[in-house]
C-alpha atoms as a PDB file:
ATOM      1  CA  MET A   1      15.171 -28.073 -43.072  1.00  0.00           C
ATOM      2  CA  PHE A   2      13.229 -25.409 -41.074  1.00  0.00           C
ATOM      3  CA  SER A   3      10.337 -25.845 -38.707  1.00  0.00           C
ATOM      4  CA  PHE A   4       8.062 -22.666 -38.930  1.00  0.00           C
ATOM      5  CA  GLU A   5       6.029 -21.208 -36.050  1.00  0.00           C
ATOM      6  CA  THR A   6       3.833 -18.438 -37.786  1.00  0.00           C
ATOM      7  CA  PHE A   7       1.302 -15.869 -36.778  1.00  0.00           C
ATOM      8  CA  PHE A   8      -1.494 -14.759 -38.530  1.00  0.00           C
ATOM      9  CA  GLN A   9      -3.813 -11.782 -38.217  1.00  0.00           C
ATOM     10  CA  PHE A  10      -6.610  -9.790 -39.897  1.00  0.00           C
ATOM     11  CA  ASP A  11      -6.151  -6.304 -40.275  1.00  0.00           C
ATOM     12  CA  THR A  12      -9.453  -5.747 -38.165  1.00  0.00           C
ATOM     13  CA  SER A  13      -9.473  -1.654 -38.449  1.00  0.00           C
ATOM     14  CA  VAL A  14     -10.081  -2.446 -42.325  1.00  0.00           C
ATOM     15  CA  THR A  15     -12.493  -5.353 -42.673  1.00  0.00           C
ATOM     16  CA  GLY A  16     -14.376  -5.387 -39.222  1.00  0.00           C
ATOM     17  CA  TYR A  17     -13.807  -8.989 -39.329  1.00  0.00           C
ATOM     18  CA  THR A  18     -11.948 -11.415 -36.978  1.00  0.00           C
ATOM     19  CA  CYS A  19     -10.999 -14.864 -36.133  1.00  0.00           C
ATOM     20  CA  ALA A  20     -12.393 -17.142 -33.512  1.00  0.00           C
ATOM     21  CA  PHE A  21      -9.724 -18.514 -30.949  1.00  0.00           C
ATOM     22  CA  GLU A  22      -9.460 -22.218 -32.413  1.00  0.00           C
ATOM     23  CA  ILE A  23      -7.307 -22.752 -35.365  1.00  0.00           C
ATOM     24  CA  ASP A  24      -5.438 -25.453 -37.262  1.00  0.00           C
ATOM     25  CA  MET A  25      -3.071 -25.615 -40.249  1.00  0.00           C
ATOM     26  CA  ALA A  26      -1.809 -28.006 -42.768  1.00  0.00           C
ATOM     27  CA  VAL A  27       0.751 -28.307 -45.701  1.00  0.00           C
ATOM     28  CA  ASP A  28      -0.567 -29.906 -49.043  1.00  0.00           C
ATOM     29  CA  ALA A  29       1.355 -31.848 -51.539  1.00  0.00           C
ATOM     30  CA  ASN A  30       2.332 -28.541 -53.267  1.00  0.00           C
ATOM     31  CA  ASN A  31       3.785 -27.346 -50.027  1.00  0.00           C
ATOM     32  CA  ASN A  32       0.952 -24.828 -49.727  1.00  0.00           C
ATOM     33  CA  ALA A  33      -0.451 -23.632 -46.214  1.00  0.00           C
ATOM     34  CA  HIS A  34      -4.048 -24.290 -45.410  1.00  0.00           C
ATOM     35  CA  ILE A  35      -5.629 -22.439 -42.207  1.00  0.00           C
ATOM     36  CA  PHE A  36      -8.831 -23.853 -40.777  1.00  0.00           C
ATOM     37  CA  VAL A  37     -10.438 -21.454 -38.719  1.00  0.00           C
ATOM     38  CA  ALA A  38     -13.773 -19.653 -37.746  1.00  0.00           C
ATOM     39  CA  VAL A  39     -14.478 -15.853 -39.079  1.00  0.00           C
ATOM     40  CA  GLY A  40     -17.117 -13.598 -38.639  1.00  0.00           C
ATOM     41  CA  PRO A  41     -17.896  -9.971 -38.007  1.00  0.00           C
ATOM     42  CA  GLN A  42     -16.278  -8.234 -34.826  1.00  0.00           C
ATOM     43  CA  ALA A  43     -18.557  -7.940 -31.815  1.00  0.00           C
ATOM     44  CA  THR A  44     -17.827  -5.429 -28.909  1.00  0.00           C
ATOM     45  CA  SER A  45     -13.604  -5.610 -29.982  1.00  0.00           C
ATOM     46  CA  PRO A  46     -11.279  -6.600 -32.543  1.00  0.00           C
ATOM     47  CA  PHE A  47     -10.969  -9.846 -30.407  1.00  0.00           C
ATOM     48  CA  SER A  48     -14.619 -10.679 -29.883  1.00  0.00           C
ATOM     49  CA  ILE A  49     -16.562 -12.561 -32.654  1.00  0.00           C
ATOM     50  CA  ASN A  50     -20.368 -11.974 -33.365  1.00  0.00           C
ATOM     51  CA  SER A  51     -21.358 -15.716 -32.634  1.00  0.00           C
ATOM     52  CA  GLY A  52     -24.937 -15.473 -33.816  1.00  0.00           C
ATOM     53  CA  THR A  53     -26.047 -18.213 -36.120  1.00  0.00           C
ATOM     54  CA  GLY A  54     -25.495 -17.425 -39.914  1.00  0.00           C
ATOM     55  CA  ASN A  55     -23.162 -14.358 -38.769  1.00  0.00           C
ATOM     56  CA  TRP A  56     -19.919 -16.679 -39.252  1.00  0.00           C
ATOM     57  CA  GLY A  57     -18.564 -19.528 -40.802  1.00  0.00           C
ATOM     58  CA  VAL A  58     -15.410 -22.007 -40.882  1.00  0.00           C
ATOM     59  CA  PHE A  59     -12.894 -21.270 -43.702  1.00  0.00           C
ATOM     60  CA  ASP A  60      -9.872 -22.718 -45.447  1.00  0.00           C
ATOM     61  CA  ILE A  61      -7.706 -19.531 -45.693  1.00  0.00           C
ATOM     62  CA  PHE A  62      -4.707 -20.693 -48.010  1.00  0.00           C
ATOM     63  CA  THR A  63      -1.766 -19.256 -50.071  1.00  0.00           C
ATOM     64  CA  THR A  64      -0.603 -20.974 -53.241  1.00  0.00           C
ATOM     65  CA  GLU A  65       3.015 -19.024 -53.146  1.00  0.00           C
ATOM     66  CA  GLY A  66       4.843 -18.855 -49.762  1.00  0.00           C
ATOM     67  CA  GLY A  67       2.305 -16.482 -48.063  1.00  0.00           C
ATOM     68  CA  THR A  68       2.509 -13.462 -50.291  1.00  0.00           C
ATOM     69  CA  THR A  69      -1.325 -13.473 -51.153  1.00  0.00           C
ATOM     70  CA  TRP A  70      -4.148 -15.596 -49.421  1.00  0.00           C
ATOM     71  CA  SER A  71      -7.274 -16.739 -50.818  1.00  0.00           C
ATOM     72  CA  ALA A  72     -10.299 -18.283 -48.717  1.00  0.00           C
ATOM     73  CA  GLU A  73     -12.951 -20.910 -49.664  1.00  0.00           C
ATOM     74  CA  ALA A  74     -16.027 -21.066 -47.300  1.00  0.00           C
ATOM     75  CA  LEU A  75     -16.540 -24.535 -45.829  1.00  0.00           C
ATOM     76  CA  GLY A  76     -19.841 -23.946 -43.743  1.00  0.00           C
ATOM     77  CA  LEU A  77     -21.973 -22.097 -41.636  1.00  0.00           C
ATOM     78  CA  PRO A  78     -22.273 -23.926 -38.294  1.00  0.00           C
ATOM     79  CA  LEU A  79     -25.608 -23.670 -36.094  1.00  0.00           C
ATOM     80  CA  THR A  80     -23.929 -23.575 -32.747  1.00  0.00           C
ATOM     81  CA  PHE A  81     -20.710 -21.628 -31.773  1.00  0.00           C
ATOM     82  CA  ARG A  82     -20.028 -22.770 -27.907  1.00  0.00           C
ATOM     83  CA  GLY A  83     -21.157 -25.521 -25.726  1.00  0.00           C
ATOM     84  CA  GLU A  84     -20.578 -24.948 -22.064  1.00  0.00           C
ATOM     85  CA  PHE A  85     -20.400 -27.828 -19.378  1.00  0.00           C
ATOM     86  CA  THR A  86     -20.871 -27.351 -15.674  1.00  0.00           C
ATOM     87  CA  ASP A  87     -21.365 -29.202 -12.379  1.00  0.00           C
ATOM     88  CA  GLY A  88     -22.111 -25.932 -10.400  1.00  0.00           C
ATOM     89  CA  THR A  89     -18.296 -25.113  -9.562  1.00  0.00           C
ATOM     90  CA  ASN A  90     -16.075 -26.548 -12.537  1.00  0.00           C
ATOM     91  CA  ASN A  91     -16.900 -25.102 -15.975  1.00  0.00           C
ATOM     92  CA  LEU A  92     -15.741 -26.525 -19.301  1.00  0.00           C
ATOM     93  CA  ALA A  93     -16.461 -25.122 -22.679  1.00  0.00           C
ATOM     94  CA  GLU A  94     -15.740 -25.829 -26.313  1.00  0.00           C
ATOM     95  CA  ASP A  95     -16.330 -24.139 -29.663  1.00  0.00           C
ATOM     96  CA  SER A  96     -16.287 -25.878 -33.306  1.00  0.00           C
ATOM     97  CA  ARG A  97     -12.833 -27.262 -33.112  1.00  0.00           C
ATOM     98  CA  PRO A  98     -11.629 -26.898 -36.449  1.00  0.00           C
ATOM     99  CA  GLN A  99      -8.910 -29.631 -37.481  1.00  0.00           C
ATOM    100  CA  ILE A 100      -7.401 -30.765 -40.548  1.00  0.00           C
ATOM    101  CA  ALA A 101      -6.399 -34.394 -41.387  1.00  0.00           C
ATOM    102  CA  ARG A 102      -4.422 -35.276 -44.796  1.00  0.00           C
ATOM    103  CA  THR A 103      -3.261 -38.246 -46.582  1.00  0.00           C
ATOM    104  CA  LEU A 104       0.634 -38.932 -46.187  1.00  0.00           C
ATOM    105  CA  ASP A 105       1.156 -37.580 -49.524  1.00  0.00           C
ATOM    106  CA  GLY A 106      -0.802 -34.533 -49.101  1.00  0.00           C
ATOM    107  CA  THR A 107      -3.015 -34.744 -52.032  1.00  0.00           C
ATOM    108  CA  LYS A 108      -6.349 -34.634 -50.220  1.00  0.00           C
ATOM    109  CA  LEU A 109      -7.187 -32.519 -47.128  1.00  0.00           C
ATOM    110  CA  PHE A 110     -10.189 -33.190 -44.725  1.00  0.00           C
ATOM    111  CA  PHE A 111     -11.433 -30.684 -42.793  1.00  0.00           C
ATOM    112  CA  VAL A 112     -13.558 -31.476 -39.543  1.00  0.00           C
ATOM    113  CA  TRP A 113     -15.525 -29.424 -37.207  1.00  0.00           C
ATOM    114  CA  PHE A 114     -18.032 -30.328 -34.723  1.00  0.00           C
ATOM    115  CA  ASP A 115     -21.447 -28.614 -34.630  1.00  0.00           C
ATOM    116  CA  THR A 116     -25.027 -29.518 -33.048  1.00  0.00           C
ATOM    117  CA  ASP A 117     -27.934 -29.617 -35.225  1.00  0.00           C
ATOM    118  CA  THR A 118     -30.480 -27.057 -33.662  1.00  0.00           C
ATOM    119  CA  THR A 119     -33.282 -28.085 -35.889  1.00  0.00           C
ATOM    120  CA  LEU A 120     -33.357 -31.470 -34.388  1.00  0.00           C
ATOM    121  CA  THR A 121     -33.781 -29.954 -30.635  1.00  0.00           C
ATOM    122  CA  PRO A 122     -36.108 -27.030 -30.837  1.00  0.00           C
ATOM    123  CA  GLY A 123     -34.893 -23.837 -28.487  1.00  0.00           C
ATOM    124  CA  LEU A 124     -31.309 -25.405 -28.152  1.00  0.00           C
ATOM    125  CA  GLN A 125     -28.404 -22.876 -29.012  1.00  0.00           C
ATOM    126  CA  ASP A 126     -25.596 -24.273 -27.539  1.00  0.00           C
ATOM    127  CA  ASN A 127     -23.074 -27.017 -29.094  1.00  0.00           C
ATOM    128  CA  VAL A 128     -23.759 -29.564 -26.752  1.00  0.00           C
ATOM    129  CA  LEU A 129     -24.902 -32.210 -28.719  1.00  0.00           C
ATOM    130  CA  PRO A 130     -22.209 -32.272 -31.635  1.00  0.00           C
ATOM    131  CA  ASN A 131     -21.684 -34.129 -34.793  1.00  0.00           C
ATOM    132  CA  ALA A 132     -18.607 -34.555 -36.579  1.00  0.00           C
ATOM    133  CA  ILE A 133     -18.778 -32.720 -39.753  1.00  0.00           C
ATOM    134  CA  CYS A 134     -16.281 -32.539 -42.689  1.00  0.00           C
ATOM    135  CA  ARG A 135     -15.445 -31.248 -46.227  1.00  0.00           C
ATOM    136  CA  ALA A 136     -12.496 -32.587 -48.052  1.00  0.00           C
ATOM    137  CA  PHE A 137     -10.371 -31.159 -50.887  1.00  0.00           C
ATOM    138  CA  ASN A 138      -8.565 -32.959 -53.624  1.00  0.00           C
ATOM    139  CA  VAL A 139      -5.207 -30.802 -54.344  1.00  0.00           C
ATOM    140  CA  THR A 140      -4.757 -32.552 -57.538  1.00  0.00           C
ATOM    141  CA  SER A 141      -8.175 -31.875 -58.956  1.00  0.00           C
ATOM    142  CA  GLY A 142      -8.842 -28.967 -57.220  1.00  0.00           C
ATOM    143  CA  LEU A 143     -12.558 -30.278 -56.234  1.00  0.00           C
ATOM    144  CA  TRP A 144     -14.224 -30.238 -53.134  1.00  0.00           C
ATOM    145  CA  THR A 145     -16.803 -32.650 -51.362  1.00  0.00           C
ATOM    146  CA  SER A 146     -19.945 -31.185 -50.188  1.00  0.00           C
ATOM    147  CA  GLU A 147     -20.766 -31.086 -46.718  1.00  0.00           C
ATOM    148  CA  ILE A 148     -20.721 -34.474 -44.915  1.00  0.00           C
ATOM    149  CA  ASN A 149     -22.140 -35.240 -41.473  1.00  0.00           C
ATOM    150  CA  LEU A 150     -19.775 -38.032 -40.517  1.00  0.00           C
ATOM    151  CA  THR A 151     -21.369 -39.395 -37.516  1.00  0.00           C
ATOM    152  CA  ALA A 152     -25.288 -38.765 -38.252  1.00  0.00           C
ATOM    153  CA  GLY A 153     -27.013 -42.331 -37.605  1.00  0.00           C
ATOM    154  CA  SER A 154     -24.080 -43.784 -35.659  1.00  0.00           C
ATOM    155  CA  ASN A 155     -23.604 -44.410 -31.785  1.00  0.00           C
ATOM    156  CA  ALA A 156     -21.972 -41.084 -31.687  1.00  0.00           C
ATOM    157  CA  ASP A 157     -24.950 -39.305 -33.156  1.00  0.00           C
ATOM    158  CA  GLY A 158     -24.781 -35.838 -31.122  1.00  0.00           C
ATOM    159  CA  ALA A 159     -22.317 -37.383 -28.706  1.00  0.00           C
ATOM    160  CA  CYS A 160     -18.864 -35.832 -30.013  1.00  0.00           C
ATOM    161  CA  LEU A 161     -18.151 -33.715 -27.287  1.00  0.00           C
ATOM    162  CA  PHE A 162     -14.412 -32.297 -27.374  1.00  0.00           C
ATOM    163  CA  GLY A 163     -13.792 -33.994 -30.529  1.00  0.00           C
ATOM    164  CA  ASN A 164     -10.192 -34.862 -31.556  1.00  0.00           C
ATOM    165  CA  VAL A 165      -8.986 -35.694 -35.322  1.00  0.00           C
ATOM    166  CA  SER A 166      -5.714 -37.091 -36.191  1.00  0.00           C
ATOM    167  CA  PRO A 167      -3.443 -34.946 -38.632  1.00  0.00           C
ATOM    168  CA  PHE A 168      -3.254 -38.079 -40.831  1.00  0.00           C
ATOM    169  CA  THR A 169      -5.658 -40.496 -42.489  1.00  0.00           C
ATOM    170  CA  LEU A 170      -5.644 -44.070 -42.910  1.00  0.00           C
ATOM    171  CA  ASP A 171      -6.534 -46.383 -45.943  1.00  0.00           C
ATOM    172  CA  GLY A 172     -10.186 -46.926 -46.183  1.00  0.00           C
ATOM    173  CA  ALA A 173     -11.937 -50.298 -46.404  1.00  0.00           C
ATOM    174  CA  THR A 174     -11.532 -50.187 -50.189  1.00  0.00           C
ATOM    175  CA  ALA A 175      -9.198 -48.303 -52.799  1.00  0.00           C
ATOM    176  CA  GLY A 176      -9.906 -44.806 -53.146  1.00  0.00           C
ATOM    177  CA  CYS A 177     -11.375 -44.187 -49.594  1.00  0.00           C
ATOM    178  CA  TYR A 178      -9.792 -42.610 -46.639  1.00  0.00           C
ATOM    179  CA  LYS A 179     -10.668 -43.075 -42.910  1.00  0.00           C
ATOM    180  CA  ILE A 180     -10.760 -40.219 -40.687  1.00  0.00           C
ATOM    181  CA  PRO A 181      -9.499 -41.035 -37.472  1.00  0.00           C
ATOM    182  CA  VAL A 182     -11.819 -39.105 -34.684  1.00  0.00           C
ATOM    183  CA  SER A 183     -12.010 -39.628 -31.085  1.00  0.00           C
ATOM    184  CA  TYR A 184     -14.395 -37.856 -28.709  1.00  0.00           C
ATOM    185  CA  LEU A 185     -15.020 -37.520 -24.509  1.00  0.00           C
ATOM    186  CA  GLU A 186     -18.099 -38.587 -23.009  1.00  0.00           C
ATOM    187  CA  VAL A 187     -18.589 -35.677 -20.555  1.00  0.00           C
ATOM    188  CA  PRO A 188     -21.209 -36.400 -17.798  1.00  0.00           C
ATOM    189  CA  ILE A 189     -23.309 -33.897 -15.859  1.00  0.00           C
ATOM    190  CA  ASN A 190     -20.659 -34.015 -12.978  1.00  0.00           C
ATOM    191  CA  ILE A 191     -17.695 -33.164 -14.810  1.00  0.00           C
ATOM    192  CA  GLY A 192     -15.373 -33.628 -11.987  1.00  0.00           C
ATOM    193  CA  VAL A 193     -15.798 -37.595 -12.177  1.00  0.00           C
ATOM    194  CA  ASP A 194     -14.005 -40.110 -14.597  1.00  0.00           C
ATOM    195  CA  ILE A 195     -14.939 -39.837 -18.309  1.00  0.00           C
ATOM    196  CA  ASN A 196     -14.767 -42.061 -21.280  1.00  0.00           C
ATOM    197  CA  HIS A 197     -12.593 -41.498 -24.387  1.00  0.00           C
ATOM    198  CA  LYS A 198     -14.129 -43.035 -27.416  1.00  0.00           C
ATOM    199  CA  TYR A 199     -12.481 -43.854 -31.031  1.00  0.00           C
ATOM    200  CA  LEU A 200     -14.789 -43.535 -34.124  1.00  0.00           C
ATOM    201  CA  ASP A 201     -13.735 -46.374 -36.464  1.00  0.00           C
ATOM    202  CA  GLY A 202     -14.811 -46.362 -39.992  1.00  0.00           C
ATOM    203  CA  LEU A 203     -15.557 -42.569 -40.842  1.00  0.00           C
ATOM    204  CA  GLU A 204     -14.571 -42.653 -44.648  1.00  0.00           C
ATOM    205  CA  VAL A 205     -14.602 -40.427 -47.406  1.00  0.00           C
ATOM    206  CA  CYS A 206     -14.186 -41.853 -50.820  1.00  0.00           C
ATOM    207  CA  ASP A 207     -12.897 -40.555 -54.192  1.00  0.00           C
ATOM    208  CA  PRO A 208     -16.229 -40.055 -55.963  1.00  0.00           C
ATOM    209  CA  ALA A 209     -17.306 -37.547 -53.369  1.00  0.00           C
ATOM    210  CA  PHE A 210     -14.963 -34.829 -54.738  1.00  0.00           C
ATOM    211  CA  THR A 211     -17.527 -33.185 -57.154  1.00  0.00           C
ATOM    212  CA  GLU A 212     -17.816 -29.302 -56.295  1.00  0.00           C
ATOM    213  CA  ALA A 213     -15.756 -26.722 -57.948  1.00  0.00           C
ATOM    214  CA  SER A 214     -13.836 -24.385 -55.795  1.00  0.00           C
ATOM    215  CA  ALA A 215     -15.603 -20.944 -54.754  1.00  0.00           C
ATOM    216  CA  SER A 216     -12.419 -19.338 -53.262  1.00  0.00           C
ATOM    217  CA  PHE A 217     -11.959 -15.997 -53.153  1.00  0.00           C
ATOM    218  CA  PRO A 218      -8.892 -13.405 -52.629  1.00  0.00           C
ATOM    219  CA  VAL A 219      -8.245 -12.021 -49.046  1.00  0.00           C
ATOM    220  CA  ALA A 220      -6.567  -8.953 -49.486  1.00  0.00           C
ATOM    221  CA  ASN A 221      -6.398  -7.897 -45.884  1.00  0.00           C
ATOM    222  CA  PHE A 222      -4.884 -11.088 -44.381  1.00  0.00           C
ATOM    223  CA  PHE A 223      -0.896 -11.012 -43.552  1.00  0.00           C
ATOM    224  CA  THR A 224       1.661 -12.936 -41.832  1.00  0.00           C
ATOM    225  CA  GLN A 225       2.563 -11.189 -38.684  1.00  0.00           C
ATOM    226  CA  SER A 226       5.877 -12.857 -37.908  1.00  0.00           C
ATOM    227  CA  ILE A 227       7.645 -16.103 -38.882  1.00  0.00           C
ATOM    228  CA  ASN A 228      10.366 -17.859 -36.370  1.00  0.00           C
ATOM    229  CA  GLU A 229      12.658 -20.091 -38.436  1.00  0.00           C
ATOM    230  CA  THR A 230      14.301 -23.068 -36.412  1.00  0.00           C
ATOM    231  CA  THR A 231      17.078 -25.060 -37.737  1.00  0.00           C
ATOM    232  CA  ALA A 232      16.318 -28.858 -37.373  1.00  0.00           C
ATOM    233  CA  THR A 233      18.736 -30.667 -34.864  1.00  0.00           C
ATOM    234  CA  SER A 234      18.122 -34.039 -36.365  1.00  0.00           C
ATOM    235  CA  SER A 235      19.207 -35.452 -39.784  1.00  0.00           C
ATOM    236  CA  PHE A 236      15.990 -37.564 -39.878  1.00  0.00           C
ATOM    237  CA  THR A 237      12.072 -37.712 -39.042  1.00  0.00           C
ATOM    238  CA  LEU A 238      10.883 -41.093 -38.061  1.00  0.00           C
ATOM    239  CA  GLY A 239       6.902 -41.383 -38.092  1.00  0.00           C
ATOM    240  CA  GLN A 240       4.372 -43.226 -36.460  1.00  0.00           C
ATOM    241  CA  ASN A 241       3.860 -46.883 -37.601  1.00  0.00           C
ATOM    242  CA  PHE A 242       0.925 -47.882 -39.571  1.00  0.00           C
ATOM    243  CA  PRO A 243      -1.522 -49.756 -39.394  1.00  0.00           C
ATOM    244  CA  ASN A 244      -1.292 -49.791 -35.569  1.00  0.00           C
ATOM    245  CA  PRO A 245      -2.071 -52.177 -34.157  1.00  0.00           C
ATOM    246  CA  PHE A 246      -1.015 -54.766 -36.601  1.00  0.00           C
ATOM    247  CA  ASN A 247      -0.578 -58.571 -37.596  1.00  0.00           C
ATOM    248  CA  GLY A 248       2.255 -59.467 -39.571  1.00  0.00           C
ATOM    249  CA  SER A 249       3.790 -56.532 -40.744  1.00  0.00           C
ATOM    250  CA  THR A 250       3.724 -52.946 -40.257  1.00  0.00           C
ATOM    251  CA  GLN A 251       5.224 -49.855 -41.929  1.00  0.00           C
ATOM    252  CA  PHE A 252       6.440 -46.447 -40.968  1.00  0.00           C
ATOM    253  CA  ASN A 253       7.738 -43.300 -42.882  1.00  0.00           C
ATOM    254  CA  LEU A 254      11.563 -42.236 -42.651  1.00  0.00           C
ATOM    255  CA  ASN A 255      12.444 -38.617 -43.943  1.00  0.00           C
ATOM    256  CA  LEU A 256      16.019 -38.092 -44.269  1.00  0.00           C
ATOM    257  CA  LEU A 257      17.864 -35.028 -44.866  1.00  0.00           C
ATOM    258  CA  LYS A 258      20.744 -36.821 -47.165  1.00  0.00           C
ATOM    259  CA  SER A 259      20.717 -40.301 -48.845  1.00  0.00           C
ATOM    260  CA  SER A 260      22.011 -42.933 -46.445  1.00  0.00           C
ATOM    261  CA  SER A 261      21.801 -46.485 -45.203  1.00  0.00           C
ATOM    262  CA  VAL A 262      19.913 -46.583 -41.839  1.00  0.00           C
ATOM    263  CA  THR A 263      19.437 -49.599 -39.014  1.00  0.00           C
ATOM    264  CA  VAL A 264      16.184 -49.618 -37.129  1.00  0.00           C
ATOM    265  CA  GLU A 265      15.992 -51.630 -34.027  1.00  0.00           C
ATOM    266  CA  VAL A 266      12.652 -53.201 -32.485  1.00  0.00           C
ATOM    267  CA  TYR A 267      12.710 -53.554 -28.736  1.00  0.00           C
ATOM    268  CA  SER A 268      10.130 -54.882 -26.158  1.00  0.00           C
ATOM    269  CA  ILE A 269       8.133 -52.835 -23.852  1.00  0.00           C
ATOM    270  CA  VAL A 270      11.140 -53.644 -21.158  1.00  0.00           C
ATOM    271  CA  GLY A 271      13.891 -52.606 -23.331  1.00  0.00           C
ATOM    272  CA  LYS A 272      14.958 -56.067 -25.011  1.00  0.00           C
ATOM    273  CA  LEU A 273      16.392 -55.829 -28.109  1.00  0.00           C
ATOM    274  CA  LEU A 274      14.290 -58.289 -30.192  1.00  0.00           C
ATOM    275  CA  MET A 275      15.030 -57.586 -34.076  1.00  0.00           C
ATOM    276  CA  THR A 276      17.544 -55.362 -36.085  1.00  0.00           C
ATOM    277  CA  ASN A 277      16.952 -54.284 -39.905  1.00  0.00           C
ATOM    278  CA  THR A 278      19.327 -52.523 -41.986  1.00  0.00           C
ATOM    279  CA  TYR A 279      17.995 -50.166 -44.948  1.00  0.00           C
ATOM    280  CA  ASN A 280      20.844 -49.758 -47.774  1.00  0.00           C
ATOM    281  CA  ASN A 281      20.807 -46.543 -49.872  1.00  0.00           C
ATOM    282  CA  LEU A 282      17.833 -44.802 -49.073  1.00  0.00           C
ATOM    283  CA  GLN A 283      16.983 -41.608 -50.955  1.00  0.00           C
ATOM    284  CA  THR A 284      16.633 -38.337 -49.819  1.00  0.00           C
ATOM    285  CA  GLY A 285      13.256 -37.424 -48.384  1.00  0.00           C
ATOM    286  CA  LEU A 286      10.376 -39.801 -47.534  1.00  0.00           C
ATOM    287  CA  ASN A 287      11.104 -43.249 -47.490  1.00  0.00           C
ATOM    288  CA  THR A 288       8.377 -45.861 -46.549  1.00  0.00           C
ATOM    289  CA  LEU A 289       9.886 -48.890 -44.982  1.00  0.00           C
ATOM    290  CA  SER A 290       8.322 -52.115 -43.797  1.00  0.00           C
ATOM    291  CA  ILE A 291       9.038 -54.073 -40.489  1.00  0.00           C
ATOM    292  CA  ASP A 292       8.149 -58.182 -40.664  1.00  0.00           C
ATOM    293  CA  GLY A 293       6.758 -58.917 -37.172  1.00  0.00           C
ATOM    294  CA  SER A 294       5.203 -62.154 -37.842  1.00  0.00           C
ATOM    295  CA  ASP A 295       7.597 -63.836 -35.403  1.00  0.00           C
ATOM    296  CA  LEU A 296       6.967 -61.498 -32.555  1.00  0.00           C
ATOM    297  CA  ALA A 297       4.094 -62.438 -30.033  1.00  0.00           C
ATOM    298  CA  SER A 298       1.220 -60.143 -29.101  1.00  0.00           C
ATOM    299  CA  GLY A 299       2.174 -57.200 -27.129  1.00  0.00           C
ATOM    300  CA  ILE A 300       3.744 -53.540 -27.119  1.00  0.00           C
ATOM    301  CA  TYR A 301       6.791 -52.866 -28.991  1.00  0.00           C
ATOM    302  CA  THR A 302       9.069 -49.620 -29.679  1.00  0.00           C
ATOM    303  CA  TYR A 303      11.408 -49.052 -32.558  1.00  0.00           C
ATOM    304  CA  THR A 304      14.182 -46.496 -32.989  1.00  0.00           C
ATOM    305  CA  GLN A 305      16.680 -45.475 -35.735  1.00  0.00           C
END
């Protein structure tokens, strides 16, 4: 098993286009990489983007065969590029913060960015009143959703500052729906004081929304600059339990390099061993296991293999 640290670059001398600084990457069910990034014309240098409205967009840049060739899907044209916050001494800035969430099996990808609707506030040009915007991709069918404003009309409308997106989705309220965990900060005018960090519950995309055909195009001048491979030192990867918090039972994913039996121990927050479960003859690869916590009192617990 290898972990890959990969660097990507546009050949700016040929295209005149460049990437913004914020970027995210995910791997889908077919082991194909998807890079989510803002792309636009160069401004004053290959490392400066023309950030005027309509000049740039957010793209899914992906490969279907290990990085030899790449294609791009235009996902949206944000109305604002950057928001800046200051109290006269300290300064904070945020851009569109592109992030990808995926289902555990990698069959659906959710591309989320944060943008301010300037049509609602005439004269506003900065990303200081952002919403969470999403387009999602069904890897199996090849269909996309249209652009979805996940937070319009909610308490978070225009308030999703410094938004964060989980790399994995949760099951929605009904079958065929996918909950995208998103959190954001409430940034006051005086950025030197304490701020609130809020979690948004119920941001869902459902199967009927995947209706749009792909409009991808080849990107001939996008290349991998280098790949660093690191051999994994562990024979397993233990995932976060879900749901969390839970009442009764919870599940977790265990990825094994080879078939084996494992023992999982549950501890209290002070380190007391409370439960031991043995799972026999698990398969190589991904295993989803359950813990019955119905006899545990309410509290915080840890588990280890």
